[in-house]
Amino acid sequence: MSAFNNLPNYPTKLVDGMFTNKDWYLFWANLLKGVPPAQVLPVTVGASPFIYTAPSKGFILLTGGTVSAVEFSRDGTTFYSYGSTAGQFQINSQDQIRVTYTVAPTMTLVPT
């Protein structure tokens, strides 16, 4: 799939004459169809403990490696344990995930 659902930019008018602007119409139609906003992105894992700051909302897929802890933070100071060391972890824009490991895992961001 190469088409993604992008929010129309600021100067795009909502209405053209008596009809909804095409860009806005397609945005809402794609939103209802569940068209994703962006491509799945691999995350380059750095040294442990690795902290990843999400550029957008979505979820992180964390697989493989030897992971001892996965934690969440919204303020960058207080981290909360997910209670799991692999799987799917829901995040919002600017949320942080801290992964502690001895063998690096594979991380993937799936924007939603």
PDB file of N, CA and C in Angstrom:
ATOM      1  N   MET A   1       0.847  -1.170   0.000  1.00  0.00           N
ATOM      2  CA  MET A   1       0.000   0.000   0.000  1.00  0.00           C
ATOM      3  C   MET A   1       0.898   1.241   0.000  1.00  0.00           C
ATOM      4  N   SER A   2       0.632   2.166  -0.883  1.00  0.00           N
ATOM      5  CA  SER A   2       1.455   3.369  -0.940  1.00  0.00           C
ATOM      6  C   SER A   2       0.680   4.621  -0.571  1.00  0.00           C
ATOM      7  N   ALA A   3      -0.640   4.551  -0.467  1.00  0.00           N
ATOM      8  CA  ALA A   3      -1.452   5.716  -0.131  1.00  0.00           C
ATOM      9  C   ALA A   3      -1.662   5.782   1.379  1.00  0.00           C
ATOM     10  N   PHE A   4      -1.458   6.972   1.947  1.00  0.00           N
ATOM     11  CA  PHE A   4      -1.655   7.176   3.372  1.00  0.00           C
ATOM     12  C   PHE A   4      -2.661   8.298   3.571  1.00  0.00           C
ATOM     13  N   ASN A   5      -3.281   8.312   4.726  1.00  0.00           N
ATOM     14  CA  ASN A   5      -4.291   9.312   5.034  1.00  0.00           C
ATOM     15  C   ASN A   5      -3.621  10.524   5.668  1.00  0.00           C
ATOM     16  N   ASN A   6      -3.508  11.606   4.914  1.00  0.00           N
ATOM     17  CA  ASN A   6      -2.864  12.816   5.407  1.00  0.00           C
ATOM     18  C   ASN A   6      -3.883  13.907   5.673  1.00  0.00           C
ATOM     19  N   LEU A   7      -3.723  14.588   6.787  1.00  0.00           N
ATOM     20  CA  LEU A   7      -4.569  15.715   7.137  1.00  0.00           C
ATOM     21  C   LEU A   7      -4.304  16.855   6.156  1.00  0.00           C
ATOM     22  N   PRO A   8      -5.353  17.453   5.580  1.00  0.00           N
ATOM     23  CA  PRO A   8      -5.123  18.591   4.677  1.00  0.00           C
ATOM     24  C   PRO A   8      -4.402  19.723   5.412  1.00  0.00           C
ATOM     25  N   ASN A   9      -3.588  20.490   4.680  1.00  0.00           N
ATOM     26  CA  ASN A   9      -2.833  21.548   5.338  1.00  0.00           C
ATOM     27  C   ASN A   9      -3.725  22.741   5.665  1.00  0.00           C
ATOM     28  N   TYR A  10      -3.206  23.666   6.457  1.00  0.00           N
ATOM     29  CA  TYR A  10      -3.972  24.780   7.008  1.00  0.00           C
ATOM     30  C   TYR A  10      -4.734  25.608   5.978  1.00  0.00           C
ATOM     31  N   PRO A  11      -4.128  26.013   4.863  1.00  0.00           N
ATOM     32  CA  PRO A  11      -4.880  26.884   3.943  1.00  0.00           C
ATOM     33  C   PRO A  11      -5.953  26.173   3.107  1.00  0.00           C
ATOM     34  N   THR A  12      -6.076  24.856   3.219  1.00  0.00           N
ATOM     35  CA  THR A  12      -7.093  24.135   2.451  1.00  0.00           C
ATOM     36  C   THR A  12      -8.482  24.456   2.984  1.00  0.00           C
ATOM     37  N   LYS A  13      -9.321  25.010   2.128  1.00  0.00           N
ATOM     38  CA  LYS A  13     -10.680  25.373   2.529  1.00  0.00           C
ATOM     39  C   LYS A  13     -11.499  24.110   2.771  1.00  0.00           C
ATOM     40  N   LEU A  14     -12.394  24.185   3.739  1.00  0.00           N
ATOM     41  CA  LEU A  14     -13.275  23.068   4.045  1.00  0.00           C
ATOM     42  C   LEU A  14     -14.341  22.898   2.958  1.00  0.00           C
ATOM     43  N   VAL A  15     -14.828  24.014   2.428  1.00  0.00           N
ATOM     44  CA  VAL A  15     -15.912  23.978   1.445  1.00  0.00           C
ATOM     45  C   VAL A  15     -15.501  24.729   0.184  1.00  0.00           C
ATOM     46  N   ASP A  16     -15.774  24.127  -0.978  1.00  0.00           N
ATOM     47  CA  ASP A  16     -15.609  24.773  -2.283  1.00  0.00           C
ATOM     48  C   ASP A  16     -17.005  24.965  -2.861  1.00  0.00           C
ATOM     49  N   GLY A  17     -17.483  26.218  -2.877  1.00  0.00           N
ATOM     50  CA  GLY A  17     -18.848  26.465  -3.353  1.00  0.00           C
ATOM     51  C   GLY A  17     -19.840  25.849  -2.391  1.00  0.00           C
ATOM     52  N   MET A  18     -20.599  24.875  -2.878  1.00  0.00           N
ATOM     53  CA  MET A  18     -21.601  24.201  -2.046  1.00  0.00           C
ATOM     54  C   MET A  18     -21.171  22.803  -1.602  1.00  0.00           C
ATOM     55  N   PHE A  19     -19.930  22.420  -1.913  1.00  0.00           N
ATOM     56  CA  PHE A  19     -19.479  21.058  -1.648  1.00  0.00           C
ATOM     57  C   PHE A  19     -18.242  21.042  -0.753  1.00  0.00           C
ATOM     58  N   THR A  20     -18.102  19.946  -0.025  1.00  0.00           N
ATOM     59  CA  THR A  20     -16.897  19.741   0.767  1.00  0.00           C
ATOM     60  C   THR A  20     -15.700  19.648  -0.176  1.00  0.00           C
ATOM     61  N   ASN A  21     -14.613  20.329   0.188  1.00  0.00           N
ATOM     62  CA  ASN A  21     -13.387  20.279  -0.595  1.00  0.00           C
ATOM     63  C   ASN A  21     -12.937  18.828  -0.744  1.00  0.00           C
ATOM     64  N   LYS A  22     -12.412  18.464  -1.906  1.00  0.00           N
ATOM     65  CA  LYS A  22     -11.989  17.089  -2.209  1.00  0.00           C
ATOM     66  C   LYS A  22     -10.973  16.571  -1.193  1.00  0.00           C
ATOM     67  N   ASP A  23      -9.972  17.399  -0.812  1.00  0.00           N
ATOM     68  CA  ASP A  23      -8.941  16.948   0.139  1.00  0.00           C
ATOM     69  C   ASP A  23      -9.547  16.585   1.493  1.00  0.00           C
ATOM     70  N   TRP A  24     -10.485  17.407   1.969  1.00  0.00           N
ATOM     71  CA  TRP A  24     -11.143  17.117   3.241  1.00  0.00           C
ATOM     72  C   TRP A  24     -12.049  15.897   3.121  1.00  0.00           C
ATOM     73  N   TYR A  25     -12.776  15.786   2.026  1.00  0.00           N
ATOM     74  CA  TYR A  25     -13.661  14.637   1.821  1.00  0.00           C
ATOM     75  C   TYR A  25     -12.847  13.330   1.866  1.00  0.00           C
ATOM     76  N   LEU A  26     -11.731  13.300   1.133  1.00  0.00           N
ATOM     77  CA  LEU A  26     -10.900  12.099   1.097  1.00  0.00           C
ATOM     78  C   LEU A  26     -10.292  11.795   2.467  1.00  0.00           C
ATOM     79  N   PHE A  27      -9.897  12.847   3.202  1.00  0.00           N
ATOM     80  CA  PHE A  27      -9.347  12.639   4.547  1.00  0.00           C
ATOM     81  C   PHE A  27     -10.372  11.938   5.431  1.00  0.00           C
ATOM     82  N   TRP A  28     -11.606  12.448   5.481  1.00  0.00           N
ATOM     83  CA  TRP A  28     -12.635  11.845   6.325  1.00  0.00           C
ATOM     84  C   TRP A  28     -13.013  10.449   5.835  1.00  0.00           C
ATOM     85  N   ALA A  29     -13.131  10.271   4.540  1.00  0.00           N
ATOM     86  CA  ALA A  29     -13.467   8.946   4.006  1.00  0.00           C
ATOM     87  C   ALA A  29     -12.380   7.931   4.369  1.00  0.00           C
ATOM     88  N   ASN A  30     -11.125   8.309   4.206  1.00  0.00           N
ATOM     89  CA  ASN A  30     -10.020   7.409   4.542  1.00  0.00           C
ATOM     90  C   ASN A  30      -9.935   7.154   6.042  1.00  0.00           C
ATOM     91  N   LEU A  31     -10.271   8.169   6.839  1.00  0.00           N
ATOM     92  CA  LEU A  31     -10.277   8.005   8.293  1.00  0.00           C
ATOM     93  C   LEU A  31     -11.291   6.931   8.690  1.00  0.00           C
ATOM     94  N   LEU A  32     -12.473   6.984   8.097  1.00  0.00           N
ATOM     95  CA  LEU A  32     -13.508   5.992   8.392  1.00  0.00           C
ATOM     96  C   LEU A  32     -13.141   4.605   7.866  1.00  0.00           C
ATOM     97  N   LYS A  33     -12.377   4.540   6.783  1.00  0.00           N
ATOM     98  CA  LYS A  33     -11.954   3.252   6.216  1.00  0.00           C
ATOM     99  C   LYS A  33     -10.778   2.651   6.979  1.00  0.00           C
ATOM    100  N   GLY A  34     -10.116   3.452   7.813  1.00  0.00           N
ATOM    101  CA  GLY A  34      -8.960   2.959   8.558  1.00  0.00           C
ATOM    102  C   GLY A  34      -7.658   3.013   7.783  1.00  0.00           C
ATOM    103  N   VAL A  35      -7.568   3.898   6.776  1.00  0.00           N
ATOM    104  CA  VAL A  35      -6.325   4.043   6.022  1.00  0.00           C
ATOM    105  C   VAL A  35      -5.260   4.613   6.963  1.00  0.00           C
ATOM    106  N   PRO A  36      -4.083   3.984   7.066  1.00  0.00           N
ATOM    107  CA  PRO A  36      -3.059   4.435   8.016  1.00  0.00           C
ATOM    108  C   PRO A  36      -2.475   5.793   7.630  1.00  0.00           C
ATOM    109  N   PRO A  37      -1.973   6.549   8.631  1.00  0.00           N
ATOM    110  CA  PRO A  37      -1.416   7.864   8.358  1.00  0.00           C
ATOM    111  C   PRO A  37       0.009   7.839   7.791  1.00  0.00           C
ATOM    112  N   ALA A  38       0.743   6.756   8.005  1.00  0.00           N
ATOM    113  CA  ALA A  38       2.142   6.707   7.561  1.00  0.00           C
ATOM    114  C   ALA A  38       2.636   5.268   7.492  1.00  0.00           C
ATOM    115  N   GLN A  39       3.788   5.087   6.873  1.00  0.00           N
ATOM    116  CA  GLN A  39       4.436   3.781   6.723  1.00  0.00           C
ATOM    117  C   GLN A  39       4.976   3.280   8.063  1.00  0.00           C
ATOM    118  N   VAL A  40       5.072   1.984   8.221  1.00  0.00           N
ATOM    119  CA  VAL A  40       5.715   1.357   9.374  1.00  0.00           C
ATOM    120  C   VAL A  40       7.195   1.737   9.337  1.00  0.00           C
ATOM    121  N   LEU A  41       7.745   2.123  10.503  1.00  0.00           N
ATOM    122  CA  LEU A  41       9.130   2.605  10.563  1.00  0.00           C
ATOM    123  C   LEU A  41       9.985   1.751  11.491  1.00  0.00           C
ATOM    124  N   PRO A  42      11.115   1.237  11.001  1.00  0.00           N
ATOM    125  CA  PRO A  42      12.020   0.529  11.905  1.00  0.00           C
ATOM    126  C   PRO A  42      12.688   1.529  12.844  1.00  0.00           C
ATOM    127  N   VAL A  43      12.968   1.096  14.067  1.00  0.00           N
ATOM    128  CA  VAL A  43      13.643   1.934  15.054  1.00  0.00           C
ATOM    129  C   VAL A  43      15.042   1.386  15.254  1.00  0.00           C
ATOM    130  N   THR A  44      16.048   2.241  15.140  1.00  0.00           N
ATOM    131  CA  THR A  44      17.430   1.829  15.388  1.00  0.00           C
ATOM    132  C   THR A  44      17.668   1.843  16.894  1.00  0.00           C
ATOM    133  N   VAL A  45      17.905   0.675  17.462  1.00  0.00           N
ATOM    134  CA  VAL A  45      18.076   0.538  18.907  1.00  0.00           C
ATOM    135  C   VAL A  45      19.502   0.889  19.289  1.00  0.00           C
ATOM    136  N   GLY A  46      19.638   1.814  20.261  1.00  0.00           N
ATOM    137  CA  GLY A  46      20.949   2.224  20.755  1.00  0.00           C
ATOM    138  C   GLY A  46      21.337   1.416  21.983  1.00  0.00           C
ATOM    139  N   ALA A  47      22.333   1.920  22.698  1.00  0.00           N
ATOM    140  CA  ALA A  47      22.854   1.237  23.878  1.00  0.00           C
ATOM    141  C   ALA A  47      21.797   1.115  24.971  1.00  0.00           C
ATOM    142  N   SER A  48      21.906   0.042  25.745  1.00  0.00           N
ATOM    143  CA  SER A  48      20.970  -0.209  26.839  1.00  0.00           C
ATOM    144  C   SER A  48      21.353   0.618  28.064  1.00  0.00           C
ATOM    145  N   PRO A  49      20.400   1.186  28.796  1.00  0.00           N
ATOM    146  CA  PRO A  49      18.980   1.235  28.508  1.00  0.00           C
ATOM    147  C   PRO A  49      18.694   2.238  27.394  1.00  0.00           C
ATOM    148  N   PHE A  50      17.917   1.814  26.415  1.00  0.00           N
ATOM    149  CA  PHE A  50      17.597   2.627  25.245  1.00  0.00           C
ATOM    150  C   PHE A  50      16.265   3.333  25.460  1.00  0.00           C
ATOM    151  N   ILE A  51      16.253   4.654  25.256  1.00  0.00           N
ATOM    152  CA  ILE A  51      15.019   5.421  25.399  1.00  0.00           C
ATOM    153  C   ILE A  51      14.597   5.915  24.023  1.00  0.00           C
ATOM    154  N   TYR A  52      13.368   5.593  23.644  1.00  0.00           N
ATOM    155  CA  TYR A  52      12.807   6.004  22.358  1.00  0.00           C
ATOM    156  C   TYR A  52      11.679   6.991  22.603  1.00  0.00           C
ATOM    157  N   THR A  53      11.739   8.139  21.923  1.00  0.00           N
ATOM    158  CA  THR A  53      10.682   9.137  21.998  1.00  0.00           C
ATOM    159  C   THR A  53       9.867   9.048  20.717  1.00  0.00           C
ATOM    160  N   ALA A  54       8.585   8.806  20.866  1.00  0.00           N
ATOM    161  CA  ALA A  54       7.706   8.607  19.714  1.00  0.00           C
ATOM    162  C   ALA A  54       7.439   9.919  18.978  1.00  0.00           C
ATOM    163  N   PRO A  55       7.625   9.933  17.640  1.00  0.00           N
ATOM    164  CA  PRO A  55       7.341  11.137  16.859  1.00  0.00           C
ATOM    165  C   PRO A  55       5.855  11.312  16.569  1.00  0.00           C
ATOM    166  N   SER A  56       5.077  10.231  16.753  1.00  0.00           N
ATOM    167  CA  SER A  56       3.633  10.274  16.493  1.00  0.00           C
ATOM    168  C   SER A  56       2.966   9.188  17.318  1.00  0.00           C
ATOM    169  N   LYS A  57       1.638   9.242  17.392  1.00  0.00           N
ATOM    170  CA  LYS A  57       0.936   8.184  18.118  1.00  0.00           C
ATOM    171  C   LYS A  57       0.962   6.898  17.304  1.00  0.00           C
ATOM    172  N   GLY A  58       0.813   5.794  17.992  1.00  0.00           N
ATOM    173  CA  GLY A  58       0.823   4.497  17.339  1.00  0.00           C
ATOM    174  C   GLY A  58       1.157   3.427  18.353  1.00  0.00           C
ATOM    175  N   PHE A  59       1.892   2.428  17.904  1.00  0.00           N
ATOM    176  CA  PHE A  59       2.383   1.430  18.839  1.00  0.00           C
ATOM    177  C   PHE A  59       3.739   0.939  18.393  1.00  0.00           C
ATOM    178  N   ILE A  60       4.488   0.453  19.368  1.00  0.00           N
ATOM    179  CA  ILE A  60       5.809  -0.122  19.150  1.00  0.00           C
ATOM    180  C   ILE A  60       5.667  -1.641  19.172  1.00  0.00           C
ATOM    181  N   LEU A  61       6.235  -2.286  18.166  1.00  0.00           N
ATOM    182  CA  LEU A  61       6.358  -3.743  18.186  1.00  0.00           C
ATOM    183  C   LEU A  61       7.766  -4.046  18.669  1.00  0.00           C
ATOM    184  N   LEU A  62       7.886  -4.813  19.724  1.00  0.00           N
ATOM    185  CA  LEU A  62       9.178  -5.148  20.310  1.00  0.00           C
ATOM    186  C   LEU A  62       9.316  -6.660  20.303  1.00  0.00           C
ATOM    187  N   THR A  63      10.321  -7.157  19.558  1.00  0.00           N
ATOM    188  CA  THR A  63      10.516  -8.603  19.429  1.00  0.00           C
ATOM    189  C   THR A  63      11.995  -8.956  19.536  1.00  0.00           C
ATOM    190  N   GLY A  64      12.254 -10.191  19.923  1.00  0.00           N
ATOM    191  CA  GLY A  64      13.617 -10.723  19.928  1.00  0.00           C
ATOM    192  C   GLY A  64      14.497 -10.111  21.001  1.00  0.00           C
ATOM    193  N   GLY A  65      15.776 -10.419  20.896  1.00  0.00           N
ATOM    194  CA  GLY A  65      16.755  -9.929  21.866  1.00  0.00           C
ATOM    195  C   GLY A  65      16.559 -10.571  23.230  1.00  0.00           C
ATOM    196  N   THR A  66      17.330 -10.066  24.187  1.00  0.00           N
ATOM    197  CA  THR A  66      17.189 -10.485  25.578  1.00  0.00           C
ATOM    198  C   THR A  66      16.854  -9.238  26.384  1.00  0.00           C
ATOM    199  N   VAL A  67      15.573  -9.010  26.574  1.00  0.00           N
ATOM    200  CA  VAL A  67      15.072  -7.797  27.213  1.00  0.00           C
ATOM    201  C   VAL A  67      14.696  -8.108  28.656  1.00  0.00           C
ATOM    202  N   SER A  68      15.151  -7.245  29.585  1.00  0.00           N
ATOM    203  CA  SER A  68      14.818  -7.450  30.996  1.00  0.00           C
ATOM    204  C   SER A  68      13.747  -6.482  31.497  1.00  0.00           C
ATOM    205  N   ALA A  69      13.549  -5.348  30.790  1.00  0.00           N
ATOM    206  CA  ALA A  69      12.529  -4.391  31.235  1.00  0.00           C
ATOM    207  C   ALA A  69      12.084  -3.501  30.080  1.00  0.00           C
ATOM    208  N   VAL A  70      10.782  -3.195  30.057  1.00  0.00           N
ATOM    209  CA  VAL A  70      10.222  -2.216  29.118  1.00  0.00           C
ATOM    210  C   VAL A  70       9.378  -1.278  29.969  1.00  0.00           C
ATOM    211  N   GLU A  71       9.681   0.023  29.883  1.00  0.00           N
ATOM    212  CA  GLU A  71       9.002   1.005  30.723  1.00  0.00           C
ATOM    213  C   GLU A  71       8.488   2.168  29.891  1.00  0.00           C
ATOM    214  N   PHE A  72       7.466   2.835  30.419  1.00  0.00           N
ATOM    215  CA  PHE A  72       6.794   3.941  29.742  1.00  0.00           C
ATOM    216  C   PHE A  72       6.945   5.222  30.554  1.00  0.00           C
ATOM    217  N   SER A  73       7.116   6.364  29.856  1.00  0.00           N
ATOM    218  CA  SER A  73       7.120   7.667  30.523  1.00  0.00           C
ATOM    219  C   SER A  73       6.437   8.699  29.649  1.00  0.00           C
ATOM    220  N   ARG A  74       5.692   9.571  30.294  1.00  0.00           N
ATOM    221  CA  ARG A  74       5.080  10.680  29.583  1.00  0.00           C
ATOM    222  C   ARG A  74       5.850  11.968  29.870  1.00  0.00           C
ATOM    223  N   ASP A  75       6.598  12.016  30.984  1.00  0.00           N
ATOM    224  CA  ASP A  75       7.319  13.240  31.357  1.00  0.00           C
ATOM    225  C   ASP A  75       8.831  13.118  31.250  1.00  0.00           C
ATOM    226  N   GLY A  76       9.342  11.946  30.899  1.00  0.00           N
ATOM    227  CA  GLY A  76      10.780  11.749  30.753  1.00  0.00           C
ATOM    228  C   GLY A  76      11.507  11.562  32.072  1.00  0.00           C
ATOM    229  N   THR A  77      10.785  11.606  33.185  1.00  0.00           N
ATOM    230  CA  THR A  77      11.385  11.462  34.509  1.00  0.00           C
ATOM    231  C   THR A  77      10.894  10.214  35.217  1.00  0.00           C
ATOM    232  N   THR A  78       9.585  10.043  35.259  1.00  0.00           N
ATOM    233  CA  THR A  78       8.974   8.898  35.923  1.00  0.00           C
ATOM    234  C   THR A  78       8.649   7.827  34.885  1.00  0.00           C
ATOM    235  N   PHE A  79       9.206   6.630  35.086  1.00  0.00           N
ATOM    236  CA  PHE A  79       8.970   5.523  34.165  1.00  0.00           C
ATOM    237  C   PHE A  79       8.148   4.444  34.865  1.00  0.00           C
ATOM    238  N   TYR A  80       7.195   3.866  34.136  1.00  0.00           N
ATOM    239  CA  TYR A  80       6.310   2.829  34.657  1.00  0.00           C
ATOM    240  C   TYR A  80       6.535   1.542  33.868  1.00  0.00           C
ATOM    241  N   SER A  81       6.631   0.428  34.587  1.00  0.00           N
ATOM    242  CA  SER A  81       6.855  -0.857  33.933  1.00  0.00           C
ATOM    243  C   SER A  81       5.612  -1.301  33.181  1.00  0.00           C
ATOM    244  N   TYR A  82       5.806  -1.809  31.967  1.00  0.00           N
ATOM    245  CA  TYR A  82       4.704  -2.399  31.212  1.00  0.00           C
ATOM    246  C   TYR A  82       4.354  -3.784  31.761  1.00  0.00           C
ATOM    247  N   GLY A  83       5.298  -4.422  32.454  1.00  0.00           N
ATOM    248  CA  GLY A  83       5.052  -5.760  32.974  1.00  0.00           C
ATOM    249  C   GLY A  83       5.270  -6.847  31.933  1.00  0.00           C
ATOM    250  N   SER A  84       5.819  -6.455  30.791  1.00  0.00           N
ATOM    251  CA  SER A  84       6.073  -7.394  29.701  1.00  0.00           C
ATOM    252  C   SER A  84       7.371  -6.979  29.017  1.00  0.00           C
ATOM    253  N   THR A  85       8.069  -7.926  28.429  1.00  0.00           N
ATOM    254  CA  THR A  85       9.344  -7.610  27.780  1.00  0.00           C
ATOM    255  C   THR A  85       9.316  -7.796  26.272  1.00  0.00           C
ATOM    256  N   ALA A  86       8.148  -8.075  25.714  1.00  0.00           N
ATOM    257  CA  ALA A  86       7.998  -8.199  24.264  1.00  0.00           C
ATOM    258  C   ALA A  86       6.526  -7.992  23.938  1.00  0.00           C
ATOM    259  N   GLY A  87       6.276  -7.595  22.692  1.00  0.00           N
ATOM    260  CA  GLY A  87       4.898  -7.451  22.261  1.00  0.00           C
ATOM    261  C   GLY A  87       4.614  -6.094  21.663  1.00  0.00           C
ATOM    262  N   GLN A  88       3.366  -5.661  21.833  1.00  0.00           N
ATOM    263  CA  GLN A  88       2.875  -4.413  21.255  1.00  0.00           C
ATOM    264  C   GLN A  88       2.642  -3.412  22.393  1.00  0.00           C
ATOM    265  N   PHE A  89       3.218  -2.201  22.264  1.00  0.00           N
ATOM    266  CA  PHE A  89       3.133  -1.199  23.304  1.00  0.00           C
ATOM    267  C   PHE A  89       2.549   0.085  22.729  1.00  0.00           C
ATOM    268  N   GLN A  90       1.367   0.465  23.195  1.00  0.00           N
ATOM    269  CA  GLN A  90       0.663   1.657  22.717  1.00  0.00           C
ATOM    270  C   GLN A  90       1.374   2.925  23.198  1.00  0.00           C
ATOM    271  N   ILE A  91       1.496   3.930  22.302  1.00  0.00           N
ATOM    272  CA  ILE A  91       2.148   5.193  22.658  1.00  0.00           C
ATOM    273  C   ILE A  91       1.443   6.366  21.980  1.00  0.00           C
ATOM    274  N   ASN A  92       1.648   7.545  22.541  1.00  0.00           N
ATOM    275  CA  ASN A  92       1.209   8.788  21.919  1.00  0.00           C
ATOM    276  C   ASN A  92       2.439   9.592  21.534  1.00  0.00           C
ATOM    277  N   SER A  93       2.238  10.616  20.744  1.00  0.00           N
ATOM    278  CA  SER A  93       3.339  11.481  20.329  1.00  0.00           C
ATOM    279  C   SER A  93       4.081  12.020  21.550  1.00  0.00           C
ATOM    280  N   GLN A  94       5.388  11.937  21.528  1.00  0.00           N
ATOM    281  CA  GLN A  94       6.307  12.411  22.567  1.00  0.00           C
ATOM    282  C   GLN A  94       6.364  11.516  23.808  1.00  0.00           C
ATOM    283  N   ASP A  95       5.606  10.423  23.851  1.00  0.00           N
ATOM    284  CA  ASP A  95       5.761   9.445  24.931  1.00  0.00           C
ATOM    285  C   ASP A  95       7.117   8.779  24.761  1.00  0.00           C
ATOM    286  N   GLN A  96       7.657   8.242  25.859  1.00  0.00           N
ATOM    287  CA  GLN A  96       8.949   7.566  25.804  1.00  0.00           C
ATOM    288  C   GLN A  96       8.809   6.119  26.262  1.00  0.00           C
ATOM    289  N   ILE A  97       9.584   5.269  25.608  1.00  0.00           N
ATOM    290  CA  ILE A  97       9.695   3.867  26.012  1.00  0.00           C
ATOM    291  C   ILE A  97      11.170   3.607  26.303  1.00  0.00           C
ATOM    292  N   ARG A  98      11.440   3.072  27.498  1.00  0.00           N
ATOM    293  CA  ARG A  98      12.812   2.719  27.881  1.00  0.00           C
ATOM    294  C   ARG A  98      12.925   1.203  27.878  1.00  0.00           C
ATOM    295  N   VAL A  99      13.890   0.706  27.105  1.00  0.00           N
ATOM    296  CA  VAL A  99      14.098  -0.746  26.965  1.00  0.00           C
ATOM    297  C   VAL A  99      15.477  -1.084  27.515  1.00  0.00           C
ATOM    298  N   THR A 100      15.510  -1.980  28.495  1.00  0.00           N
ATOM    299  CA  THR A 100      16.768  -2.447  29.077  1.00  0.00           C
ATOM    300  C   THR A 100      17.002  -3.868  28.575  1.00  0.00           C
ATOM    301  N   TYR A 101      18.204  -4.105  28.045  1.00  0.00           N
ATOM    302  CA  TYR A 101      18.467  -5.407  27.423  1.00  0.00           C
ATOM    303  C   TYR A 101      19.940  -5.767  27.507  1.00  0.00           C
ATOM    304  N   THR A 102      20.244  -7.063  27.262  1.00  0.00           N
ATOM    305  CA  THR A 102      21.632  -7.524  27.108  1.00  0.00           C
ATOM    306  C   THR A 102      21.911  -7.861  25.653  1.00  0.00           C
ATOM    307  N   VAL A 103      20.893  -8.308  24.917  1.00  0.00           N
ATOM    308  CA  VAL A 103      20.980  -8.515  23.473  1.00  0.00           C
ATOM    309  C   VAL A 103      19.878  -7.646  22.858  1.00  0.00           C
ATOM    310  N   ALA A 104      20.263  -6.787  21.908  1.00  0.00           N
ATOM    311  CA  ALA A 104      19.323  -5.814  21.347  1.00  0.00           C
ATOM    312  C   ALA A 104      18.109  -6.453  20.686  1.00  0.00           C
ATOM    313  N   PRO A 105      16.914  -5.931  20.991  1.00  0.00           N
ATOM    314  CA  PRO A 105      15.690  -6.407  20.348  1.00  0.00           C
ATOM    315  C   PRO A 105      15.460  -5.681  19.033  1.00  0.00           C
ATOM    316  N   THR A 106      14.431  -6.073  18.321  1.00  0.00           N
ATOM    317  CA  THR A 106      13.980  -5.364  17.126  1.00  0.00           C
ATOM    318  C   THR A 106      12.783  -4.506  17.530  1.00  0.00           C
ATOM    319  N   MET A 107      12.832  -3.221  17.171  1.00  0.00           N
ATOM    320  CA  MET A 107      11.736  -2.308  17.474  1.00  0.00           C
ATOM    321  C   MET A 107      11.192  -1.717  16.189  1.00  0.00           C
ATOM    322  N   THR A 108       9.866  -1.605  16.103  1.00  0.00           N
ATOM    323  CA  THR A 108       9.209  -1.052  14.936  1.00  0.00           C
ATOM    324  C   THR A 108       8.089  -0.132  15.388  1.00  0.00           C
ATOM    325  N   LEU A 109       8.027   1.071  14.808  1.00  0.00           N
ATOM    326  CA  LEU A 109       6.924   2.000  15.092  1.00  0.00           C
ATOM    327  C   LEU A 109       5.845   1.820  14.050  1.00  0.00           C
ATOM    328  N   VAL A 110       4.616   1.618  14.506  1.00  0.00           N
ATOM    329  CA  VAL A 110       3.456   1.504  13.629  1.00  0.00           C
ATOM    330  C   VAL A 110       2.547   2.697  13.929  1.00  0.00           C
ATOM    331  N   PRO A 111       2.595   3.769  13.093  1.00  0.00           N
ATOM    332  CA  PRO A 111       1.743   4.939  13.330  1.00  0.00           C
ATOM    333  C   PRO A 111       0.271   4.587  13.183  1.00  0.00           C
ATOM    334  N   THR A 112      -0.568   5.214  14.026  1.00  0.00           N
ATOM    335  CA  THR A 112      -2.017   4.993  13.931  1.00  0.00           C
ATOM    336  C   THR A 112      -2.754   6.297  13.838  1.00  0.00           C
TER     337      THR A 112
END
